């Protein structure tokens, strides 16, 4: 009985390999998409440093927005003077970082 099951399974696997449509035309569809880079090409190709800086800046501001949302929710239960001093200090650091990145030219795509 085991031999018959093994034989049927093997025949089905061979038939599926023979009958399946394999083409090299779908190379792009079968490869993973990684930020616009071709995974089949050399991994040592240089990429734009500006793209990396914009991605890091986006992550920093995204995390800081996630930190600001709980501050809005705690407005009712906190001391109003403490709340506004912490909020203004936090926003000042955020804007100071933005100003620094702007002065360093991180937002300019061309030099």
PDB file of N, CA and C in Angstrom:
ATOM      1  N   UNK A   1       0.819  -1.184   0.000  1.00  0.00           N
ATOM      2  CA  UNK A   1       0.000   0.000   0.000  1.00  0.00           C
ATOM      3  C   UNK A   1       0.873   1.262   0.000  1.00  0.00           C
ATOM      4  N   UNK A   2       1.910   1.261   0.806  1.00  0.00           N
ATOM      5  CA  UNK A   2       2.813   2.410   0.873  1.00  0.00           C
ATOM      6  C   UNK A   2       3.521   2.623  -0.451  1.00  0.00           C
ATOM      7  N   UNK A   3       3.848   1.553  -1.121  1.00  0.00           N
ATOM      8  CA  UNK A   3       4.527   1.650  -2.414  1.00  0.00           C
ATOM      9  C   UNK A   3       3.600   2.287  -3.455  1.00  0.00           C
ATOM     10  N   UNK A   4       2.331   1.952  -3.418  1.00  0.00           N
ATOM     11  CA  UNK A   4       1.369   2.532  -4.368  1.00  0.00           C
ATOM     12  C   UNK A   4       1.202   4.033  -4.104  1.00  0.00           C
ATOM     13  N   UNK A   5       1.105   4.414  -2.849  1.00  0.00           N
ATOM     14  CA  UNK A   5       0.970   5.835  -2.500  1.00  0.00           C
ATOM     15  C   UNK A   5       2.220   6.601  -2.917  1.00  0.00           C
ATOM     16  N   UNK A   6       3.378   6.031  -2.676  1.00  0.00           N
ATOM     17  CA  UNK A   6       4.630   6.676  -3.077  1.00  0.00           C
ATOM     18  C   UNK A   6       4.718   6.801  -4.594  1.00  0.00           C
ATOM     19  N   UNK A   7       4.284   5.783  -5.317  1.00  0.00           N
ATOM     20  CA  UNK A   7       4.311   5.803  -6.773  1.00  0.00           C
ATOM     21  C   UNK A   7       3.350   6.862  -7.326  1.00  0.00           C
ATOM     22  N   UNK A   8       2.154   6.935  -6.785  1.00  0.00           N
ATOM     23  CA  UNK A   8       1.174   7.919  -7.246  1.00  0.00           C
ATOM     24  C   UNK A   8       1.669   9.342  -6.953  1.00  0.00           C
ATOM     25  N   UNK A   9       2.228   9.539  -5.788  1.00  0.00           N
ATOM     26  CA  UNK A   9       2.760  10.852  -5.426  1.00  0.00           C
ATOM     27  C   UNK A   9       3.895  11.269  -6.344  1.00  0.00           C
ATOM     28  N   UNK A  10       4.792  10.348  -6.637  1.00  0.00           N
ATOM     29  CA  UNK A  10       5.917  10.639  -7.523  1.00  0.00           C
ATOM     30  C   UNK A  10       5.441  10.961  -8.935  1.00  0.00           C
ATOM     31  N   UNK A  11       4.478  10.211  -9.426  1.00  0.00           N
ATOM     32  CA  UNK A  11       3.934  10.462 -10.760  1.00  0.00           C
ATOM     33  C   UNK A  11       3.256  11.828 -10.811  1.00  0.00           C
ATOM     34  N   UNK A  12       2.526  12.192  -9.786  1.00  0.00           N
ATOM     35  CA  UNK A  12       1.859  13.499  -9.759  1.00  0.00           C
ATOM     36  C   UNK A  12       2.873  14.639  -9.710  1.00  0.00           C
ATOM     37  N   UNK A  13       3.955  14.463  -8.963  1.00  0.00           N
ATOM     38  CA  UNK A  13       4.982  15.503  -8.908  1.00  0.00           C
ATOM     39  C   UNK A  13       5.688  15.661 -10.253  1.00  0.00           C
ATOM     40  N   UNK A  14       5.983  14.564 -10.914  1.00  0.00           N
ATOM     41  CA  UNK A  14       6.635  14.629 -12.224  1.00  0.00           C
ATOM     42  C   UNK A  14       5.706  15.275 -13.243  1.00  0.00           C
ATOM     43  N   UNK A  15       4.418  14.924 -13.219  1.00  0.00           N
ATOM     44  CA  UNK A  15       3.461  15.528 -14.137  1.00  0.00           C
ATOM     45  C   UNK A  15       3.314  17.031 -13.890  1.00  0.00           C
ATOM     46  N   UNK A  16       3.319  17.443 -12.641  1.00  0.00           N
ATOM     47  CA  UNK A  16       3.184  18.880 -12.364  1.00  0.00           C
ATOM     48  C   UNK A  16       4.422  19.650 -12.834  1.00  0.00           C
ATOM     49  N   UNK A  17       5.589  19.046 -12.742  1.00  0.00           N
ATOM     50  CA  UNK A  17       6.802  19.697 -13.242  1.00  0.00           C
ATOM     51  C   UNK A  17       6.805  19.792 -14.761  1.00  0.00           C
ATOM     52  N   UNK A  18       6.303  18.773 -15.421  1.00  0.00           N
ATOM     53  CA  UNK A  18       6.279  18.768 -16.887  1.00  0.00           C
ATOM     54  C   UNK A  18       5.221  19.739 -17.416  1.00  0.00           C
ATOM     55  N   UNK A  19       4.056  19.755 -16.800  1.00  0.00           N
ATOM     56  CA  UNK A  19       2.947  20.549 -17.310  1.00  0.00           C
ATOM     57  C   UNK A  19       2.955  22.014 -16.852  1.00  0.00           C
ATOM     58  N   UNK A  20       3.748  22.338 -15.869  1.00  0.00           N
ATOM     59  CA  UNK A  20       3.743  23.721 -15.384  1.00  0.00           C
ATOM     60  C   UNK A  20       4.388  24.648 -16.400  1.00  0.00           C
ATOM     61  N   UNK A  21       3.874  25.857 -16.465  1.00  0.00           N
ATOM     62  CA  UNK A  21       4.398  26.830 -17.419  1.00  0.00           C
ATOM     63  C   UNK A  21       5.502  27.622 -16.741  1.00  0.00           C
ATOM     64  N   UNK A  22       6.707  27.347 -17.111  1.00  0.00           N
ATOM     65  CA  UNK A  22       7.838  28.087 -16.584  1.00  0.00           C
ATOM     66  C   UNK A  22       8.384  28.957 -17.698  1.00  0.00           C
ATOM     67  N   UNK A  23       8.480  30.231 -17.423  1.00  0.00           N
ATOM     68  CA  UNK A  23       9.035  31.128 -18.417  1.00  0.00           C
ATOM     69  C   UNK A  23       9.986  32.103 -17.731  1.00  0.00           C
ATOM     70  N   UNK A  24      10.917  32.583 -18.481  1.00  0.00           N
ATOM     71  CA  UNK A  24      11.852  33.561 -17.962  1.00  0.00           C
ATOM     72  C   UNK A  24      11.376  34.983 -18.255  1.00  0.00           C
ATOM     73  N   UNK A  25      10.183  35.119 -18.833  1.00  0.00           N
ATOM     74  CA  UNK A  25       9.647  36.435 -19.123  1.00  0.00           C
ATOM     75  C   UNK A  25       9.127  37.106 -17.857  1.00  0.00           C
ATOM     76  N   UNK A  26       8.775  36.340 -16.843  1.00  0.00           N
ATOM     77  CA  UNK A  26       8.214  36.883 -15.613  1.00  0.00           C
ATOM     78  C   UNK A  26       9.280  37.068 -14.535  1.00  0.00           C
ATOM     79  N   UNK A  27      10.465  37.437 -14.931  1.00  0.00           N
ATOM     80  CA  UNK A  27      11.548  37.607 -13.970  1.00  0.00           C
ATOM     81  C   UNK A  27      11.233  38.722 -12.975  1.00  0.00           C
ATOM     82  N   UNK A  28      10.646  39.819 -13.444  1.00  0.00           N
ATOM     83  CA  UNK A  28      10.333  40.927 -12.564  1.00  0.00           C
ATOM     84  C   UNK A  28       9.190  40.579 -11.608  1.00  0.00           C
ATOM     85  N   UNK A  29       8.246  39.800 -12.082  1.00  0.00           N
ATOM     86  CA  UNK A  29       7.121  39.441 -11.228  1.00  0.00           C
ATOM     87  C   UNK A  29       7.522  38.463 -10.129  1.00  0.00           C
ATOM     88  N   UNK A  30       8.475  37.598 -10.407  1.00  0.00           N
ATOM     89  CA  UNK A  30       8.853  36.599  -9.415  1.00  0.00           C
ATOM     90  C   UNK A  30       9.936  37.081  -8.459  1.00  0.00           C
ATOM     91  N   UNK A  31      10.515  38.244  -8.701  1.00  0.00           N
ATOM     92  CA  UNK A  31      11.554  38.749  -7.805  1.00  0.00           C
ATOM     93  C   UNK A  31      10.942  39.703  -6.787  1.00  0.00           C
ATOM     94  N   UNK A  32      11.512  39.781  -5.593  1.00  0.00           N
ATOM     95  CA  UNK A  32      10.971  40.702  -4.591  1.00  0.00           C
ATOM     96  C   UNK A  32      11.313  42.139  -4.941  1.00  0.00           C
ATOM     97  N   UNK A  33      10.435  43.034  -4.552  1.00  0.00           N
ATOM     98  CA  UNK A  33      10.650  44.463  -4.814  1.00  0.00           C
ATOM     99  C   UNK A  33      11.320  45.085  -3.601  1.00  0.00           C
ATOM    100  N   UNK A  34      12.497  45.624  -3.778  1.00  0.00           N
ATOM    101  CA  UNK A  34      13.254  46.222  -2.685  1.00  0.00           C
ATOM    102  C   UNK A  34      13.599  47.659  -3.023  1.00  0.00           C
ATOM    103  N   UNK A  35      12.713  48.580  -2.784  1.00  0.00           N
ATOM    104  CA  UNK A  35      12.958  50.016  -2.936  1.00  0.00           C
ATOM    105  C   UNK A  35      13.470  50.389  -4.317  1.00  0.00           C
ATOM    106  N   UNK A  36      13.043  49.712  -5.342  1.00  0.00           N
ATOM    107  CA  UNK A  36      13.443  50.076  -6.688  1.00  0.00           C
ATOM    108  C   UNK A  36      14.756  49.481  -7.146  1.00  0.00           C
ATOM    109  N   UNK A  37      15.441  48.731  -6.309  1.00  0.00           N
ATOM    110  CA  UNK A  37      16.707  48.127  -6.698  1.00  0.00           C
ATOM    111  C   UNK A  37      16.458  46.770  -7.335  1.00  0.00           C
ATOM    112  N   UNK A  38      17.223  46.453  -8.358  1.00  0.00           N
ATOM    113  CA  UNK A  38      17.100  45.161  -9.023  1.00  0.00           C
ATOM    114  C   UNK A  38      17.852  44.118  -8.203  1.00  0.00           C
ATOM    115  N   UNK A  39      17.166  43.111  -7.642  1.00  0.00           N
ATOM    116  CA  UNK A  39      17.862  42.129  -6.808  1.00  0.00           C
ATOM    117  C   UNK A  39      18.783  41.200  -7.605  1.00  0.00           C
ATOM    118  N   UNK A  40      18.619  41.167  -8.923  1.00  0.00           N
ATOM    119  CA  UNK A  40      19.466  40.296  -9.743  1.00  0.00           C
ATOM    120  C   UNK A  40      20.792  40.971 -10.123  1.00  0.00           C
ATOM    121  N   UNK A  41      20.897  42.279  -9.905  1.00  0.00           N
ATOM    122  CA  UNK A  41      22.125  42.987 -10.283  1.00  0.00           C
ATOM    123  C   UNK A  41      23.132  42.943  -9.137  1.00  0.00           C
ATOM    124  N   UNK A  42      24.258  43.566  -9.350  1.00  0.00           N
ATOM    125  CA  UNK A  42      25.327  43.572  -8.365  1.00  0.00           C
ATOM    126  C   UNK A  42      24.888  44.317  -7.105  1.00  0.00           C
ATOM    127  N   UNK A  43      25.267  43.793  -5.958  1.00  0.00           N
ATOM    128  CA  UNK A  43      24.911  44.427  -4.697  1.00  0.00           C
ATOM    129  C   UNK A  43      25.834  45.588  -4.364  1.00  0.00           C
ATOM    130  N   UNK A  44      26.889  45.756  -5.107  1.00  0.00           N
ATOM    131  CA  UNK A  44      27.872  46.803  -4.832  1.00  0.00           C
ATOM    132  C   UNK A  44      27.621  48.091  -5.608  1.00  0.00           C
ATOM    133  N   UNK A  45      26.473  48.196  -6.244  1.00  0.00           N
ATOM    134  CA  UNK A  45      26.163  49.405  -6.995  1.00  0.00           C
ATOM    135  C   UNK A  45      25.854  50.544  -6.023  1.00  0.00           C
ATOM    136  N   UNK A  46      26.361  51.745  -6.278  1.00  0.00           N
ATOM    137  CA  UNK A  46      26.060  52.862  -5.377  1.00  0.00           C
ATOM    138  C   UNK A  46      24.614  53.321  -5.531  1.00  0.00           C
ATOM    139  N   UNK A  47      24.065  53.838  -4.459  1.00  0.00           N
ATOM    140  CA  UNK A  47      22.723  54.390  -4.515  1.00  0.00           C
ATOM    141  C   UNK A  47      22.755  55.807  -3.966  1.00  0.00           C
ATOM    142  N   UNK A  48      21.692  56.504  -4.167  1.00  0.00           N
ATOM    143  CA  UNK A  48      21.629  57.911  -3.801  1.00  0.00           C
ATOM    144  C   UNK A  48      21.628  58.073  -2.286  1.00  0.00           C
ATOM    145  N   UNK A  49      22.559  58.867  -1.800  1.00  0.00           N
ATOM    146  CA  UNK A  49      22.617  59.153  -0.372  1.00  0.00           C
ATOM    147  C   UNK A  49      21.434  60.013   0.055  1.00  0.00           C
ATOM    148  N   UNK A  50      20.933  60.827  -0.853  1.00  0.00           N
ATOM    149  CA  UNK A  50      19.765  61.656  -0.546  1.00  0.00           C
ATOM    150  C   UNK A  50      18.532  60.799  -0.260  1.00  0.00           C
ATOM    151  N   UNK A  51      18.391  59.699  -0.995  1.00  0.00           N
ATOM    152  CA  UNK A  51      17.271  58.785  -0.742  1.00  0.00           C
ATOM    153  C   UNK A  51      17.357  58.237   0.670  1.00  0.00           C
ATOM    154  N   UNK A  52      18.548  57.845   1.091  1.00  0.00           N
ATOM    155  CA  UNK A  52      18.747  57.311   2.433  1.00  0.00           C
ATOM    156  C   UNK A  52      18.452  58.374   3.492  1.00  0.00           C
ATOM    157  N   UNK A  53      18.919  59.612   3.282  1.00  0.00           N
ATOM    158  CA  UNK A  53      18.694  60.679   4.255  1.00  0.00           C
ATOM    159  C   UNK A  53      17.211  61.018   4.386  1.00  0.00           C
ATOM    160  N   UNK A  54      16.520  61.072   3.267  1.00  0.00           N
ATOM    161  CA  UNK A  54      15.083  61.362   3.320  1.00  0.00           C
ATOM    162  C   UNK A  54      14.340  60.242   4.051  1.00  0.00           C
ATOM    163  N   UNK A  55      14.748  58.993   3.839  1.00  0.00           N
ATOM    164  CA  UNK A  55      14.105  57.871   4.536  1.00  0.00           C
ATOM    165  C   UNK A  55      14.345  57.950   6.041  1.00  0.00           C
ATOM    166  N   UNK A  56      15.557  58.291   6.450  1.00  0.00           N
ATOM    167  CA  UNK A  56      15.862  58.405   7.876  1.00  0.00           C
ATOM    168  C   UNK A  56      15.110  59.580   8.491  1.00  0.00           C
ATOM    169  N   UNK A  57      15.057  60.697   7.799  1.00  0.00           N
ATOM    170  CA  UNK A  57      14.317  61.860   8.310  1.00  0.00           C
ATOM    171  C   UNK A  57      12.835  61.527   8.444  1.00  0.00           C
ATOM    172  N   UNK A  58      12.287  60.808   7.466  1.00  0.00           N
ATOM    173  CA  UNK A  58      10.881  60.396   7.565  1.00  0.00           C
ATOM    174  C   UNK A  58      10.666  59.525   8.797  1.00  0.00           C
ATOM    175  N   UNK A  59      11.561  58.576   9.050  1.00  0.00           N
ATOM    176  CA  UNK A  59      11.403  57.709  10.221  1.00  0.00           C
ATOM    177  C   UNK A  59      11.485  58.490  11.523  1.00  0.00           C
ATOM    178  N   UNK A  60      12.409  59.449  11.585  1.00  0.00           N
ATOM    179  CA  UNK A  60      12.545  60.251  12.804  1.00  0.00           C
ATOM    180  C   UNK A  60      11.266  61.041  13.062  1.00  0.00           C
ATOM    181  N   UNK A  61      10.743  61.723  12.037  1.00  0.00           N
ATOM    182  CA  UNK A  61       9.536  62.518  12.231  1.00  0.00           C
ATOM    183  C   UNK A  61       8.317  61.640  12.462  1.00  0.00           C
ATOM    184  N   UNK A  62       8.307  60.458  11.900  1.00  0.00           N
ATOM    185  CA  UNK A  62       7.196  59.536  12.121  1.00  0.00           C
ATOM    186  C   UNK A  62       7.158  59.087  13.574  1.00  0.00           C
ATOM    187  N   UNK A  63       8.311  58.775  14.123  1.00  0.00           N
ATOM    188  CA  UNK A  63       8.376  58.357  15.522  1.00  0.00           C
ATOM    189  C   UNK A  63       8.008  59.521  16.439  1.00  0.00           C
ATOM    190  N   UNK A  64       8.435  60.716  16.109  1.00  0.00           N
ATOM    191  CA  UNK A  64       8.110  61.856  16.952  1.00  0.00           C
ATOM    192  C   UNK A  64       6.623  62.192  16.905  1.00  0.00           C
ATOM    193  N   UNK A  65       5.984  61.983  15.774  1.00  0.00           N
ATOM    194  CA  UNK A  65       4.521  62.158  15.710  1.00  0.00           C
ATOM    195  C   UNK A  65       3.851  61.117  16.597  1.00  0.00           C
ATOM    196  N   UNK A  66       4.379  59.909  16.601  1.00  0.00           N
ATOM    197  CA  UNK A  66       3.812  58.864  17.460  1.00  0.00           C
ATOM    198  C   UNK A  66       4.002  59.198  18.937  1.00  0.00           C
ATOM    199  N   UNK A  67       5.023  59.985  19.251  1.00  0.00           N
ATOM    200  CA  UNK A  67       5.203  60.424  20.636  1.00  0.00           C
ATOM    201  C   UNK A  67       4.298  61.595  20.993  1.00  0.00           C
ATOM    202  N   UNK A  68       3.897  62.376  20.008  1.00  0.00           N
ATOM    203  CA  UNK A  68       3.016  63.518  20.275  1.00  0.00           C
ATOM    204  C   UNK A  68       1.560  63.109  20.513  1.00  0.00           C
ATOM    205  N   UNK A  69       1.117  62.042  19.914  1.00  0.00           N
ATOM    206  CA  UNK A  69      -0.285  61.627  20.042  1.00  0.00           C
ATOM    207  C   UNK A  69      -0.662  61.298  21.488  1.00  0.00           C
ATOM    208  N   UNK A  70       0.159  60.557  22.251  1.00  0.00           N
ATOM    209  CA  UNK A  70      -0.225  60.330  23.654  1.00  0.00           C
ATOM    210  C   UNK A  70      -0.243  61.617  24.482  1.00  0.00           C
ATOM    211  N   UNK A  71       0.541  62.599  24.083  1.00  0.00           N
ATOM    212  CA  UNK A  71       0.516  63.865  24.819  1.00  0.00           C
ATOM    213  C   UNK A  71      -0.840  64.547  24.675  1.00  0.00           C
ATOM    214  N   UNK A  72      -1.464  64.392  23.534  1.00  0.00           N
ATOM    215  CA  UNK A  72      -2.797  64.972  23.325  1.00  0.00           C
ATOM    216  C   UNK A  72      -3.821  64.260  24.212  1.00  0.00           C
ATOM    217  N   UNK A  73      -3.665  62.958  24.351  1.00  0.00           N
ATOM    218  CA  UNK A  73      -4.611  62.190  25.150  1.00  0.00           C
ATOM    219  C   UNK A  73      -4.476  62.470  26.647  1.00  0.00           C
ATOM    220  N   UNK A  74      -3.283  62.878  27.093  1.00  0.00           N
ATOM    221  CA  UNK A  74      -3.079  63.141  28.519  1.00  0.00           C
ATOM    222  C   UNK A  74      -3.311  64.597  28.891  1.00  0.00           C
ATOM    223  N   UNK A  75      -3.840  65.375  27.995  1.00  0.00           N
ATOM    224  CA  UNK A  75      -4.075  66.799  28.270  1.00  0.00           C
ATOM    225  C   UNK A  75      -5.043  67.002  29.427  1.00  0.00           C
ATOM    226  N   UNK A  76      -6.067  66.180  29.525  1.00  0.00           N
ATOM    227  CA  UNK A  76      -7.091  66.360  30.558  1.00  0.00           C
ATOM    228  C   UNK A  76      -6.589  66.041  31.963  1.00  0.00           C
ATOM    229  N   UNK A  77      -5.639  65.116  32.085  1.00  0.00           N
ATOM    230  CA  UNK A  77      -5.249  64.659  33.419  1.00  0.00           C
ATOM    231  C   UNK A  77      -3.939  65.254  33.905  1.00  0.00           C
ATOM    232  N   UNK A  78      -3.330  66.150  33.150  1.00  0.00           N
ATOM    233  CA  UNK A  78      -2.033  66.696  33.560  1.00  0.00           C
ATOM    234  C   UNK A  78      -2.144  68.163  33.947  1.00  0.00           C
ATOM    235  N   UNK A  79      -1.130  68.621  34.640  1.00  0.00           N
ATOM    236  CA  UNK A  79      -1.032  70.028  35.000  1.00  0.00           C
ATOM    237  C   UNK A  79      -0.783  70.815  33.721  1.00  0.00           C
ATOM    238  N   UNK A  80      -1.565  71.867  33.509  1.00  0.00           N
ATOM    239  CA  UNK A  80      -1.528  72.572  32.229  1.00  0.00           C
ATOM    240  C   UNK A  80      -0.188  73.272  31.989  1.00  0.00           C
ATOM    241  N   UNK A  81       0.446  73.799  33.046  1.00  0.00           N
ATOM    242  CA  UNK A  81       1.736  74.471  32.868  1.00  0.00           C
ATOM    243  C   UNK A  81       2.845  73.460  32.550  1.00  0.00           C
ATOM    244  N   UNK A  82       2.842  72.353  33.265  1.00  0.00           N
ATOM    245  CA  UNK A  82       3.824  71.294  32.964  1.00  0.00           C
ATOM    246  C   UNK A  82       3.621  70.752  31.558  1.00  0.00           C
ATOM    247  N   UNK A  83       2.373  70.561  31.213  1.00  0.00           N
ATOM    248  CA  UNK A  83       2.049  70.001  29.913  1.00  0.00           C
ATOM    249  C   UNK A  83       2.561  70.897  28.785  1.00  0.00           C
ATOM    250  N   UNK A  84       2.272  72.187  28.863  1.00  0.00           N
ATOM    251  CA  UNK A  84       2.686  73.079  27.787  1.00  0.00           C
ATOM    252  C   UNK A  84       4.195  73.302  27.755  1.00  0.00           C
ATOM    253  N   UNK A  85       4.838  73.294  28.915  1.00  0.00           N
ATOM    254  CA  UNK A  85       6.297  73.451  28.904  1.00  0.00           C
ATOM    255  C   UNK A  85       6.972  72.234  28.270  1.00  0.00           C
ATOM    256  N   UNK A  86       6.509  71.060  28.582  1.00  0.00           N
ATOM    257  CA  UNK A  86       7.077  69.850  27.967  1.00  0.00           C
ATOM    258  C   UNK A  86       6.764  69.808  26.476  1.00  0.00           C
ATOM    259  N   UNK A  87       5.533  70.158  26.100  1.00  0.00           N
ATOM    260  CA  UNK A  87       5.143  70.147  24.689  1.00  0.00           C
ATOM    261  C   UNK A  87       5.933  71.167  23.881  1.00  0.00           C
ATOM    262  N   UNK A  88       6.104  72.358  24.418  1.00  0.00           N
ATOM    263  CA  UNK A  88       6.863  73.392  23.693  1.00  0.00           C
ATOM    264  C   UNK A  88       8.331  72.988  23.584  1.00  0.00           C
ATOM    265  N   UNK A  89       8.893  72.413  24.636  1.00  0.00           N
ATOM    266  CA  UNK A  89      10.282  71.957  24.588  1.00  0.00           C
ATOM    267  C   UNK A  89      10.456  70.852  23.542  1.00  0.00           C
ATOM    268  N   UNK A  90       9.523  69.923  23.506  1.00  0.00           N
ATOM    269  CA  UNK A  90       9.584  68.821  22.540  1.00  0.00           C
ATOM    270  C   UNK A  90       9.472  69.346  21.111  1.00  0.00           C
ATOM    271  N   UNK A  91       8.538  70.241  20.869  1.00  0.00           N
ATOM    272  CA  UNK A  91       8.380  70.816  19.531  1.00  0.00           C
ATOM    273  C   UNK A  91       9.565  71.693  19.146  1.00  0.00           C
ATOM    274  N   UNK A  92      10.177  72.372  20.126  1.00  0.00           N
ATOM    275  CA  UNK A  92      11.358  73.173  19.855  1.00  0.00           C
ATOM    276  C   UNK A  92      12.517  72.292  19.391  1.00  0.00           C
ATOM    277  N   UNK A  93      12.723  71.160  20.054  1.00  0.00           N
ATOM    278  CA  UNK A  93      13.776  70.233  19.631  1.00  0.00           C
ATOM    279  C   UNK A  93      13.483  69.694  18.239  1.00  0.00           C
ATOM    280  N   UNK A  94      12.226  69.390  17.975  1.00  0.00           N
ATOM    281  CA  UNK A  94      11.833  68.897  16.658  1.00  0.00           C
ATOM    282  C   UNK A  94      12.089  69.944  15.571  1.00  0.00           C
ATOM    283  N   UNK A  95      11.705  71.162  15.806  1.00  0.00           N
ATOM    284  CA  UNK A  95      11.918  72.219  14.818  1.00  0.00           C
ATOM    285  C   UNK A  95      13.393  72.585  14.689  1.00  0.00           C
ATOM    286  N   UNK A  96      14.150  72.504  15.769  1.00  0.00           N
ATOM    287  CA  UNK A  96      15.581  72.764  15.707  1.00  0.00           C
ATOM    288  C   UNK A  96      16.287  71.711  14.845  1.00  0.00           C
ATOM    289  N   UNK A  97      15.881  70.459  14.988  1.00  0.00           N
ATOM    290  CA  UNK A  97      16.430  69.400  14.139  1.00  0.00           C
ATOM    291  C   UNK A  97      16.065  69.593  12.679  1.00  0.00           C
ATOM    292  N   UNK A  98      14.837  70.009  12.425  1.00  0.00           N
ATOM    293  CA  UNK A  98      14.399  70.279  11.061  1.00  0.00           C
ATOM    294  C   UNK A  98      15.192  71.426  10.445  1.00  0.00           C
ATOM    295  N   UNK A  99      15.397  72.473  11.218  1.00  0.00           N
ATOM    296  CA  UNK A  99      16.179  73.617  10.743  1.00  0.00           C
ATOM    297  C   UNK A  99      17.630  73.211  10.451  1.00  0.00           C
ATOM    298  N   UNK A 100      18.198  72.390  11.314  1.00  0.00           N
ATOM    299  CA  UNK A 100      19.568  71.921  11.104  1.00  0.00           C
ATOM    300  C   UNK A 100      19.689  71.086   9.828  1.00  0.00           C
ATOM    301  N   UNK A 101      18.742  70.177   9.616  1.00  0.00           N
ATOM    302  CA  UNK A 101      18.767  69.353   8.401  1.00  0.00           C
ATOM    303  C   UNK A 101      18.588  70.217   7.161  1.00  0.00           C
ATOM    304  N   UNK A 102      17.754  71.229   7.258  1.00  0.00           N
ATOM    305  CA  UNK A 102      17.531  72.131   6.130  1.00  0.00           C
ATOM    306  C   UNK A 102      18.799  72.916   5.815  1.00  0.00           C
ATOM    307  N   UNK A 103      19.501  73.403   6.838  1.00  0.00           N
ATOM    308  CA  UNK A 103      20.745  74.141   6.624  1.00  0.00           C
ATOM    309  C   UNK A 103      21.859  73.253   6.078  1.00  0.00           C
ATOM    310  N   UNK A 104      21.876  71.991   6.453  1.00  0.00           N
ATOM    311  CA  UNK A 104      22.900  71.069   5.969  1.00  0.00           C
ATOM    312  C   UNK A 104      22.633  70.626   4.533  1.00  0.00           C
ATOM    313  N   UNK A 105      21.455  70.904   4.012  1.00  0.00           N
ATOM    314  CA  UNK A 105      21.128  70.573   2.631  1.00  0.00           C
ATOM    315  C   UNK A 105      20.618  69.161   2.439  1.00  0.00           C
ATOM    316  N   UNK A 106      20.074  68.563   3.496  1.00  0.00           N
ATOM    317  CA  UNK A 106      19.574  67.193   3.377  1.00  0.00           C
ATOM    318  C   UNK A 106      18.311  67.120   2.527  1.00  0.00           C
ATOM    319  N   UNK A 107      17.608  68.235   2.379  1.00  0.00           N
ATOM    320  CA  UNK A 107      16.368  68.229   1.603  1.00  0.00           C
ATOM    321  C   UNK A 107      16.565  68.633   0.152  1.00  0.00           C
ATOM    322  N   UNK A 108      17.773  68.989  -0.227  1.00  0.00           N
ATOM    323  CA  UNK A 108      18.063  69.374  -1.619  1.00  0.00           C
ATOM    324  C   UNK A 108      18.467  68.132  -2.405  1.00  0.00           C
ATOM    325  N   UNK A 109      17.793  67.893  -3.525  1.00  0.00           N
ATOM    326  CA  UNK A 109      18.103  66.737  -4.348  1.00  0.00           C
ATOM    327  C   UNK A 109      19.282  66.994  -5.269  1.00  0.00           C
ATOM    328  N   UNK A 110      19.533  68.243  -5.579  1.00  0.00           N
ATOM    329  CA  UNK A 110      20.683  68.574  -6.442  1.00  0.00           C
ATOM    330  C   UNK A 110      21.638  69.460  -5.668  1.00  0.00           C
ATOM    331  N   UNK A 111      22.906  69.299  -5.958  1.00  0.00           N
ATOM    332  CA  UNK A 111      23.917  70.102  -5.255  1.00  0.00           C
ATOM    333  C   UNK A 111      24.176  71.396  -5.983  1.00  0.00           C
TER     334      UNK A 111
END
